Protein backbone atom coordinates (compact mmCIF):
# COMPACT_ATOMS: atom_id res chain seq x y z
CA MET A 1 47.45 -38.15 -119.61
CA LYS A 2 50.41 -37.97 -121.29
CA GLU A 3 51.75 -41.29 -122.93
CA PHE A 4 55.45 -40.88 -122.37
CA PHE A 5 57.27 -40.18 -118.97
CA LYS A 6 61.18 -38.94 -118.69
CA ILE A 7 63.25 -40.91 -116.35
CA SER A 8 63.66 -38.13 -114.00
CA GLU A 9 59.91 -38.14 -113.58
CA VAL A 10 59.76 -41.93 -112.89
CA ALA A 11 62.62 -41.43 -110.34
CA ASN A 12 60.64 -38.67 -108.38
CA ILE A 13 57.67 -40.60 -108.40
CA LEU A 14 58.92 -43.94 -107.51
CA SER A 15 61.77 -42.05 -105.00
CA VAL A 16 64.56 -44.00 -106.69
CA SER A 17 67.56 -42.61 -108.22
CA LYS A 18 68.14 -42.41 -112.21
CA ALA A 19 71.09 -44.91 -111.72
CA THR A 20 68.79 -47.30 -110.25
CA LEU A 21 66.22 -46.78 -113.16
CA ARG A 22 69.19 -47.78 -115.63
CA ARG A 23 70.01 -51.00 -113.35
CA TRP A 24 66.59 -52.12 -113.91
CA ASP A 25 66.45 -51.45 -117.30
CA SER A 26 69.55 -53.89 -118.02
CA LYS A 27 68.08 -56.27 -115.78
CA GLY A 28 64.65 -56.48 -117.52
CA LYS A 29 62.81 -55.24 -114.78
CA LEU A 30 61.46 -51.90 -116.37
CA ILE A 31 62.35 -51.44 -119.64
CA SER A 32 63.08 -48.19 -121.40
CA ARG A 33 62.37 -46.65 -124.77
CA ARG A 34 64.14 -44.31 -126.76
CA HIS A 35 62.78 -40.89 -127.67
CA PRO A 36 62.37 -40.85 -131.55
CA ILE A 37 63.64 -37.22 -131.95
CA ASN A 38 66.27 -36.58 -129.22
CA ASN A 39 67.33 -40.53 -128.27
CA TYR A 40 66.69 -39.40 -124.62
CA ARG A 41 65.31 -42.63 -122.30
CA ILE A 42 61.43 -42.79 -121.90
CA TYR A 43 59.20 -44.68 -120.21
CA HIS A 44 55.54 -45.77 -121.65
CA ARG A 45 52.59 -45.45 -119.43
CA ASN A 46 51.43 -49.11 -120.40
CA ASP A 47 54.75 -50.21 -118.85
CA LEU A 48 54.78 -47.97 -115.85
CA LYS A 49 51.00 -48.85 -115.32
CA LYS A 50 52.37 -52.80 -114.37
CA LEU A 51 54.34 -51.44 -111.23
CA GLU A 52 52.68 -51.35 -107.73
CA ASN A 53 54.07 -48.08 -107.27
CA PHE A 54 53.24 -46.16 -110.07
CA GLY A 55 49.82 -47.22 -110.91
CA PHE A 56 47.78 -44.89 -109.21
CA ILE A 57 49.00 -42.20 -111.39
CA PHE A 58 46.81 -43.76 -113.72
CA GLU A 59 43.76 -44.00 -111.80
CA SER A 60 40.57 -41.85 -111.79
CA HIS A 61 40.08 -42.00 -107.89
CA LYS A 62 39.46 -38.29 -106.25
CA GLU A 63 42.25 -36.84 -104.46
CA THR A 64 41.75 -35.49 -101.04
CA ASN A 65 39.93 -32.19 -100.72
CA VAL A 66 41.51 -30.51 -97.69
CA ALA A 67 38.80 -27.57 -97.41
CA LEU A 68 35.94 -30.54 -97.28
CA VAL A 69 37.44 -32.70 -94.51
CA LYS A 70 36.22 -31.53 -91.47
CA PRO A 71 35.69 -32.93 -87.81
CA LEU A 72 31.71 -33.56 -87.31
CA LYS A 73 32.74 -33.17 -83.52
CA ILE A 74 35.90 -32.40 -81.25
CA TYR A 75 38.08 -35.64 -81.61
CA THR A 76 40.92 -35.68 -79.20
CA SER A 77 44.51 -37.42 -79.39
CA ILE A 78 47.60 -38.09 -77.49
CA GLU A 79 50.72 -37.73 -79.02
CA LEU A 80 54.04 -39.85 -77.72
CA PHE A 81 57.58 -38.84 -78.50
CA ALA A 82 56.19 -35.59 -80.59
CA GLY A 83 59.56 -34.10 -81.52
CA ALA A 84 59.37 -30.81 -82.62
CA GLY A 85 55.92 -30.92 -83.77
CA GLY A 86 55.75 -32.09 -87.27
CA LEU A 87 53.03 -35.06 -86.30
CA ALA A 88 51.30 -32.66 -83.89
CA LEU A 89 51.18 -29.45 -85.96
CA GLY A 90 50.02 -31.73 -89.12
CA LEU A 91 46.98 -33.38 -87.08
CA GLU A 92 46.31 -29.97 -85.67
CA LYS A 93 45.87 -28.50 -89.14
CA SER A 94 43.64 -31.83 -90.07
CA GLY A 95 40.88 -30.84 -87.21
CA LEU A 96 42.15 -33.26 -84.24
CA HIS A 97 42.45 -31.66 -80.49
CA CYS A 98 45.68 -32.80 -79.02
CA VAL A 99 45.24 -33.24 -75.44
CA LEU A 100 48.95 -34.16 -74.37
CA LEU A 101 52.00 -34.19 -76.16
CA ASN A 102 55.19 -36.16 -74.28
CA GLU A 103 58.72 -35.72 -75.31
CA ILE A 104 61.73 -36.10 -72.88
CA ASP A 105 64.19 -33.96 -75.09
CA LYS A 106 64.54 -30.35 -73.70
CA TRP A 107 65.21 -28.45 -76.64
CA ALA A 108 62.34 -30.27 -78.68
CA CYS A 109 59.96 -29.41 -75.70
CA LYS A 110 61.15 -25.65 -76.07
CA THR A 111 60.23 -25.59 -79.52
CA LEU A 112 56.78 -26.83 -78.85
CA LYS A 113 56.22 -24.80 -75.87
CA SER A 114 57.40 -21.58 -77.41
CA ASN A 115 55.26 -22.52 -80.66
CA ARG A 116 51.95 -23.62 -79.15
CA PRO A 117 51.99 -21.91 -75.40
CA HIS A 118 48.47 -23.56 -75.19
CA TRP A 119 49.59 -27.25 -75.56
CA ASN A 120 50.02 -29.69 -72.79
CA VAL A 121 53.21 -30.54 -73.20
CA ILE A 122 55.01 -32.65 -70.77
CA GLU A 123 58.38 -32.81 -70.69
CA LYS A 124 59.70 -36.22 -68.64
CA ASP A 125 60.69 -39.70 -69.39
CA ILE A 126 57.45 -41.63 -70.83
CA LYS A 127 58.16 -44.20 -68.46
CA GLU A 128 57.38 -42.18 -65.69
CA LEU A 129 54.08 -41.18 -67.09
CA ASP A 130 50.37 -42.53 -66.01
CA PHE A 131 47.77 -42.04 -68.60
CA THR A 132 44.88 -43.57 -66.92
CA SER A 133 43.14 -40.60 -66.04
CA PHE A 134 42.74 -40.26 -69.98
CA LYS A 135 40.82 -43.42 -70.06
CA GLY A 136 37.52 -43.22 -72.50
CA LYS A 137 38.41 -39.42 -72.98
CA VAL A 138 40.39 -39.57 -76.35
CA ASP A 139 40.04 -40.91 -79.55
CA ILE A 140 43.44 -41.33 -81.21
CA VAL A 141 46.86 -42.14 -79.63
CA THR A 142 50.15 -41.45 -81.85
CA GLY A 143 53.49 -41.58 -81.47
CA GLY A 144 56.78 -42.05 -83.63
CA PHE A 145 58.34 -44.77 -81.17
CA PRO A 146 62.32 -45.51 -81.59
CA CYS A 147 62.34 -49.16 -83.44
CA GLN A 148 63.99 -51.70 -80.54
CA ALA A 149 64.35 -55.00 -81.10
CA PHE A 150 62.31 -57.95 -79.05
CA SER A 151 63.56 -61.17 -78.16
CA TYR A 152 60.91 -63.42 -80.44
CA ALA A 153 61.62 -66.62 -79.38
CA GLY A 154 59.47 -68.13 -81.90
CA LYS A 155 56.08 -67.48 -80.33
CA GLN A 156 53.50 -64.75 -80.16
CA LEU A 157 55.00 -61.79 -78.82
CA GLY A 158 52.60 -60.45 -75.55
CA PHE A 159 52.26 -57.11 -73.93
CA GLU A 160 54.54 -58.02 -70.95
CA ASP A 161 57.33 -59.57 -73.21
CA ALA A 162 57.95 -56.21 -74.85
CA ARG A 163 58.93 -54.51 -71.13
CA GLY A 164 61.90 -52.49 -71.18
CA THR A 165 61.45 -51.25 -74.92
CA LEU A 166 59.75 -47.61 -75.55
CA PHE A 167 57.31 -49.31 -77.81
CA PHE A 168 55.94 -50.86 -74.77
CA GLU A 169 55.56 -47.45 -73.34
CA PHE A 170 53.40 -46.55 -76.37
CA ALA A 171 51.49 -49.91 -75.92
CA ARG A 172 50.87 -49.03 -72.13
CA CYS A 173 49.57 -45.78 -73.23
CA VAL A 174 47.04 -47.39 -75.47
CA LYS A 175 46.13 -49.72 -72.97
CA GLU A 176 45.52 -47.30 -70.30
CA THR A 177 43.39 -45.35 -72.47
CA LYS A 178 41.41 -47.15 -74.79
CA PRO A 179 41.30 -45.04 -77.73
CA ALA A 180 39.18 -46.04 -80.75
CA ILE A 181 42.37 -45.64 -83.03
CA CYS A 182 46.04 -45.82 -82.48
CA VAL A 183 48.96 -44.68 -85.11
CA GLY A 184 52.73 -45.93 -84.65
CA GLU A 185 54.73 -44.48 -87.56
CA ASN A 186 58.53 -45.10 -87.99
CA VAL A 187 61.22 -45.81 -90.41
CA ARG A 188 60.53 -47.90 -93.32
CA GLY A 189 63.50 -50.06 -92.16
CA LEU A 190 61.48 -51.36 -89.56
CA VAL A 191 59.89 -54.08 -92.19
CA GLN A 192 62.89 -55.33 -92.44
CA HIS A 193 64.43 -55.15 -88.87
CA ASP A 194 65.09 -58.24 -87.62
CA GLY A 195 63.87 -60.30 -90.48
CA GLY A 196 60.84 -58.93 -90.15
CA LYS A 197 60.25 -60.30 -86.37
CA THR A 198 60.44 -56.64 -84.90
CA LEU A 199 57.40 -55.55 -86.62
CA LYS A 200 55.57 -58.57 -86.13
CA GLY A 201 56.37 -58.70 -82.36
CA MET A 202 54.36 -55.15 -82.05
CA ILE A 203 51.61 -56.48 -83.76
CA SER A 204 51.22 -58.99 -81.68
CA VAL A 205 51.66 -56.62 -78.76
CA LEU A 206 48.74 -54.47 -80.19
CA GLU A 207 46.48 -57.21 -80.75
CA ASP A 208 47.30 -59.11 -77.26
CA ILE A 209 45.70 -55.27 -75.85
CA GLY A 210 42.60 -55.53 -78.03
CA TYR A 211 43.69 -53.57 -81.30
CA LYS A 212 43.02 -55.17 -84.64
CA VAL A 213 46.12 -54.01 -86.77
CA LEU A 214 45.55 -53.00 -90.47
CA PRO A 215 48.49 -54.58 -92.63
CA PRO A 216 50.97 -51.52 -92.20
CA GLN A 217 51.51 -49.40 -94.96
CA ILE A 218 54.69 -47.06 -96.18
CA LEU A 219 53.88 -43.67 -97.16
CA LYS A 220 55.99 -41.75 -99.56
CA ALA A 221 55.78 -38.38 -98.90
CA ILE A 222 56.32 -36.89 -102.19
CA HIS A 223 52.93 -38.49 -102.95
CA HIS A 224 51.49 -36.14 -99.85
CA ARG A 225 52.56 -32.49 -101.11
CA VAL A 226 55.91 -33.02 -99.44
CA PRO A 227 58.94 -31.88 -101.76
CA GLN A 228 61.14 -34.82 -100.33
CA LYS A 229 61.97 -38.52 -100.84
CA ARG A 230 61.12 -39.19 -97.39
CA GLU A 231 59.66 -42.70 -96.30
CA ARG A 232 57.38 -43.55 -93.39
CA LEU A 233 56.01 -46.56 -92.10
CA LEU A 234 52.22 -46.57 -90.91
CA ILE A 235 51.21 -49.04 -88.13
CA VAL A 236 47.04 -48.49 -87.76
CA GLY A 237 45.33 -50.26 -84.99
CA ILE A 238 41.33 -50.31 -84.37
CA ARG A 239 40.27 -50.97 -81.13
CA LYS A 240 38.41 -54.37 -81.65
CA ASP A 241 34.95 -53.87 -80.40
CA LEU A 242 34.50 -50.87 -82.80
CA ASP A 243 34.01 -50.97 -86.43
CA ILE A 244 35.82 -47.84 -88.07
CA PRO A 245 36.35 -47.80 -91.57
CA PHE A 246 40.00 -46.33 -91.87
CA GLU A 247 41.90 -45.99 -95.21
CA PHE A 248 45.38 -44.83 -95.85
CA PRO A 249 46.08 -41.44 -97.22
CA THR A 250 45.32 -41.49 -101.05
CA PRO A 251 48.42 -40.44 -103.03
CA GLN A 252 48.40 -37.40 -104.63
CA LYS A 253 49.51 -37.13 -108.44
CA GLU A 254 51.15 -33.55 -108.35
CA ILE A 255 54.84 -34.19 -107.37
CA TYR A 256 56.68 -31.21 -105.79
CA THR A 257 60.20 -30.33 -106.15
CA LEU A 258 62.95 -28.40 -104.42
CA LYS A 259 62.24 -25.27 -106.12
CA ASP A 260 58.64 -25.11 -104.55
CA ALA A 261 59.78 -25.60 -101.26
CA LEU A 262 62.39 -22.69 -101.27
CA LYS A 263 60.83 -20.34 -103.83
CA LYS A 264 57.37 -18.54 -104.33
CA GLY A 265 55.29 -20.98 -106.03
CA ARG A 266 52.80 -23.58 -105.89
CA LEU A 267 53.43 -24.61 -101.99
CA TYR A 268 54.67 -21.06 -100.07
CA PRO A 269 53.34 -17.65 -101.14
CA CYS A 270 57.34 -16.26 -100.65
CA PRO A 271 60.51 -17.31 -101.23
CA VAL A 272 62.33 -19.11 -97.87
CA PRO A 273 63.15 -16.45 -95.32
CA SER A 274 67.10 -16.46 -94.52
CA SER A 275 68.61 -18.20 -91.46
CA ARG A 276 71.52 -19.54 -89.91
CA GLY A 277 73.24 -22.70 -91.71
CA GLN A 278 76.33 -25.08 -91.57
CA ILE A 279 78.92 -24.66 -93.49
CA TYR A 280 81.57 -27.36 -95.59
CA PRO A 281 85.25 -27.70 -94.68
CA LYS A 282 87.42 -25.73 -97.23
CA ARG A 283 88.28 -28.95 -98.64
CA LYS A 284 84.71 -30.33 -99.00
CA LYS A 285 83.89 -27.23 -100.44
CA GLU A 286 86.05 -27.26 -103.21
CA ILE A 287 85.17 -30.71 -103.89
CA LEU A 288 81.18 -30.12 -104.21
CA GLN A 289 81.93 -27.11 -105.98
CA LEU A 290 82.65 -29.83 -109.08
CA VAL A 291 79.41 -31.54 -108.58
CA PRO A 292 76.74 -30.37 -110.44
CA PRO A 293 73.01 -30.16 -109.31
CA GLY A 294 71.57 -33.42 -109.63
CA GLY A 295 74.72 -35.12 -109.34
CA TYR A 296 76.81 -36.98 -106.88
CA TRP A 297 80.39 -38.41 -106.04
CA ARG A 298 80.78 -40.10 -109.46
CA ASP A 299 80.09 -36.84 -111.36
CA LEU A 300 83.89 -35.79 -109.88
CA PRO A 301 87.26 -37.02 -111.81
CA VAL A 302 88.26 -40.43 -110.79
CA LYS A 303 91.22 -39.18 -108.66
CA ILE A 304 88.95 -36.95 -106.54
CA GLN A 305 86.46 -39.86 -106.11
CA LYS A 306 89.16 -41.70 -104.77
CA GLU A 307 90.34 -38.85 -102.36
CA TYR A 308 86.66 -38.11 -101.08
CA MET A 309 85.48 -41.56 -100.98
CA GLN A 310 88.33 -43.32 -99.65
CA GLY A 311 87.58 -47.29 -98.82
CA SER A 312 83.93 -46.46 -99.65
CA PHE A 313 85.19 -46.09 -103.49
CA TYR A 314 86.07 -50.02 -103.54
CA LEU A 315 82.72 -51.08 -101.88
CA GLY A 316 79.54 -51.94 -103.91
CA GLY A 317 76.47 -50.19 -103.82
CA GLY A 318 75.64 -46.68 -105.46
CA LYS A 319 76.09 -44.59 -102.32
CA THR A 320 74.09 -41.70 -104.23
CA GLY A 321 73.64 -39.56 -101.19
CA MET A 322 77.60 -38.76 -100.87
CA ALA A 323 78.81 -35.52 -102.34
CA ARG A 324 75.27 -35.08 -103.62
CA ARG A 325 73.90 -31.77 -104.80
CA ILE A 326 70.02 -31.43 -105.22
CA SER A 327 68.85 -29.93 -108.57
CA TRP A 328 65.88 -27.04 -108.18
CA ASP A 329 63.90 -29.49 -110.24
CA GLU A 330 63.93 -32.74 -108.16
CA PRO A 331 62.46 -33.53 -104.71
CA CYS A 332 65.14 -33.17 -101.85
CA LEU A 333 66.53 -36.62 -100.98
CA THR A 334 65.76 -37.69 -97.16
CA LEU A 335 66.87 -35.21 -94.58
CA THR A 336 69.01 -36.02 -91.91
CA CYS A 337 70.10 -34.69 -88.65
CA SER A 338 73.07 -33.06 -90.26
CA PRO A 339 73.09 -31.45 -93.86
CA ALA A 340 76.96 -31.52 -93.62
CA GLN A 341 77.83 -34.76 -92.36
CA LYS A 342 79.72 -37.42 -94.72
CA GLN A 343 77.39 -39.90 -96.49
CA THR A 344 74.43 -37.57 -96.38
CA GLU A 345 75.49 -34.28 -97.89
CA ARG A 346 72.27 -32.48 -98.64
CA CYS A 347 74.06 -29.29 -100.89
CA HIS A 348 72.22 -26.49 -102.38
CA PRO A 349 71.90 -26.15 -105.98
CA ASP A 350 73.31 -22.66 -106.65
CA GLU A 351 75.47 -22.21 -103.73
CA THR A 352 78.20 -24.76 -102.59
CA ARG A 353 76.76 -25.23 -98.95
CA PRO A 354 74.51 -26.95 -96.71
CA PHE A 355 70.54 -26.05 -96.63
CA THR A 356 69.94 -23.45 -94.00
CA VAL A 357 67.44 -24.03 -91.06
CA ARG A 358 64.64 -22.42 -92.59
CA GLU A 359 65.45 -24.32 -95.78
CA TYR A 360 65.49 -27.69 -94.18
CA ALA A 361 62.00 -26.56 -92.24
CA ARG A 362 60.52 -25.78 -95.57
CA ILE A 363 61.84 -29.09 -97.11
CA GLN A 364 59.45 -30.64 -94.31
CA THR A 365 56.72 -28.54 -94.90
CA PHE A 366 56.95 -26.86 -91.74
CA PRO A 367 55.46 -23.00 -91.73
CA ASP A 368 57.76 -20.35 -91.81
CA ASP A 369 56.35 -19.01 -88.37
CA TRP A 370 57.34 -22.29 -86.91
CA GLN A 371 60.48 -21.45 -84.67
CA PHE A 372 63.23 -23.90 -83.56
CA GLU A 373 64.70 -23.70 -79.79
CA GLY A 374 68.60 -24.34 -79.12
CA SER A 375 71.74 -24.54 -80.97
CA ILE A 376 72.24 -24.87 -84.94
CA SER A 377 72.76 -28.73 -84.51
CA GLN A 378 69.86 -29.13 -82.10
CA GLN A 379 67.54 -27.30 -84.70
CA TYR A 380 68.83 -29.09 -87.58
CA LYS A 381 68.20 -32.33 -85.41
CA GLN A 382 64.33 -31.64 -84.74
CA ILE A 383 63.90 -30.93 -88.12
CA GLY A 384 65.72 -33.79 -89.74
CA ASN A 385 63.78 -36.28 -87.23
CA ALA A 386 60.29 -34.77 -87.77
CA VAL A 387 57.25 -36.13 -89.51
CA PRO A 388 56.76 -33.84 -92.65
CA VAL A 389 53.71 -31.55 -91.71
CA HIS A 390 51.77 -32.03 -94.73
CA LEU A 391 52.10 -35.89 -94.93
CA ALA A 392 51.07 -35.53 -91.15
CA GLU A 393 48.01 -33.53 -92.28
CA GLU A 394 46.95 -35.88 -94.93
CA ILE A 395 47.29 -39.04 -91.99
CA GLY A 396 45.32 -36.87 -89.81
CA LEU A 397 42.70 -36.51 -92.76
CA SER A 398 42.39 -39.93 -92.89
CA LEU A 399 41.66 -40.55 -89.50
CA VAL A 400 39.12 -37.39 -89.20
CA LYS A 401 37.14 -39.21 -92.21
CA ALA A 402 37.14 -42.36 -90.42
CA LEU A 403 35.59 -40.93 -87.22
CA ASN A 404 33.20 -38.85 -89.12
CA ASN A 405 32.05 -42.03 -91.03
CA PHE A 406 31.80 -44.10 -87.49
CA TYR A 407 30.27 -41.76 -85.41
CA ASN A 408 27.45 -40.50 -88.00
CA PRO A 409 27.72 -43.07 -91.12
CA LYS A 410 23.89 -42.56 -92.27
CA ILE A 411 24.32 -38.40 -92.69
CA PHE A 412 27.72 -38.87 -93.56
CA ASN A 413 27.37 -41.42 -96.56
CA LEU A 414 24.14 -39.77 -97.76
CA PHE A 415 25.11 -35.95 -97.85
CA GLY A 416 29.18 -35.91 -97.97
CA GLU A 417 31.41 -34.00 -96.18
CA GLU A 418 30.74 -30.54 -97.16
CA ILE A 419 26.81 -30.50 -96.41
CA ILE A 420 27.73 -32.20 -93.21
CA GLN A 421 29.95 -29.16 -92.21
CA LYS A 422 27.42 -27.00 -92.98
CA ILE A 423 24.82 -28.71 -91.36
CA ASN A 424 27.23 -29.18 -87.97
CA ASN A 425 29.21 -25.77 -88.31
CA LYS A 426 27.03 -23.70 -85.69
CA ASN A 427 27.24 -26.34 -83.21
CA TYR A 428 30.91 -27.79 -84.14
CA HIS A 429 31.89 -24.12 -83.80
CA ALA A 430 30.20 -23.57 -80.49
CA SER A 431 31.64 -26.76 -78.70
CA LEU A 432 35.32 -25.43 -79.69
């Protein structure tokens, strides 16, 4: 393990900007040192080990071996608010079998059906669905429900009090089907939403219907084979009458960059396929041509900064996503529903243009054969809202490991995953 880390390496792993690290340095939160030869800013491993979000780099844990984690039996799931299938596809890759997917957006449903004709995709408002026929027949219910505020009123929020919210519909499905595990995922902002009351209310609802909720965790996509600084909040509930030893996905030490996403290499066997993409208006393109790879609006001449930022120029905050050109050697910033929208520009490193649809999909770790339906804006929206496929796969692997250990703990602990798979291989595949 090396002794010193460059500022760009630390920024990538912590999913913060270099400007943030410099601010931490000035405030004494994380002190940097100077390289004795080139005087570059560097960080010593002993200082980094103290950081909660960096310490795992120095741990000797064994990273998840995808090839060895296989289901000991068929584990079934229901997915709600399925979108374009990022979470569903990742769970499928981990070995889970989805028996129902619900989504209200017609273009997202067309995407799901065109890529997986055998999936049971229900295009309907979730409020109109009855899940009681699946009671006792599914192991997992998952869903990326929209974040909505609750009226907390200073008391424990119960199931009935959540009516009228889409989270209530997620909880209703869990209550009607009684899976062993329920998994909710959302943006990290849910942690602070309404001073934390919204998340606290959601946990209360799940506990009210019979689930023990583990402390929610924020997963950084860059730690899970995704070349993007995306973060997702994971809420996992275990049915109270079951003793299931769930562990959240272990952070991977290897960080992937935009180069890994768009070029032949560690993530993909070929360069990204060509596809359609949005374009910048003439003046915006002229301005972004002045921004270097890895740069943003502060790299522009001051006169142009004021022209481009307008009133925002005089406001506080870094606003590092504005006029942002991604460099090849860094993970991409979090993708949004529109790569050309002001305040969330995601400009190509070499060409002055937004990322194309297929480039967007690669950054979200979708396979190249996963096609998106609808207009180009609809396709961007579907991809931007998705859970990265590799992150979803690692969530699925954690679910599979937990269920394996629950259903057959003695054999699982004695022989390990690889031997178990060999023992059960014939029966497992026959059951499919």
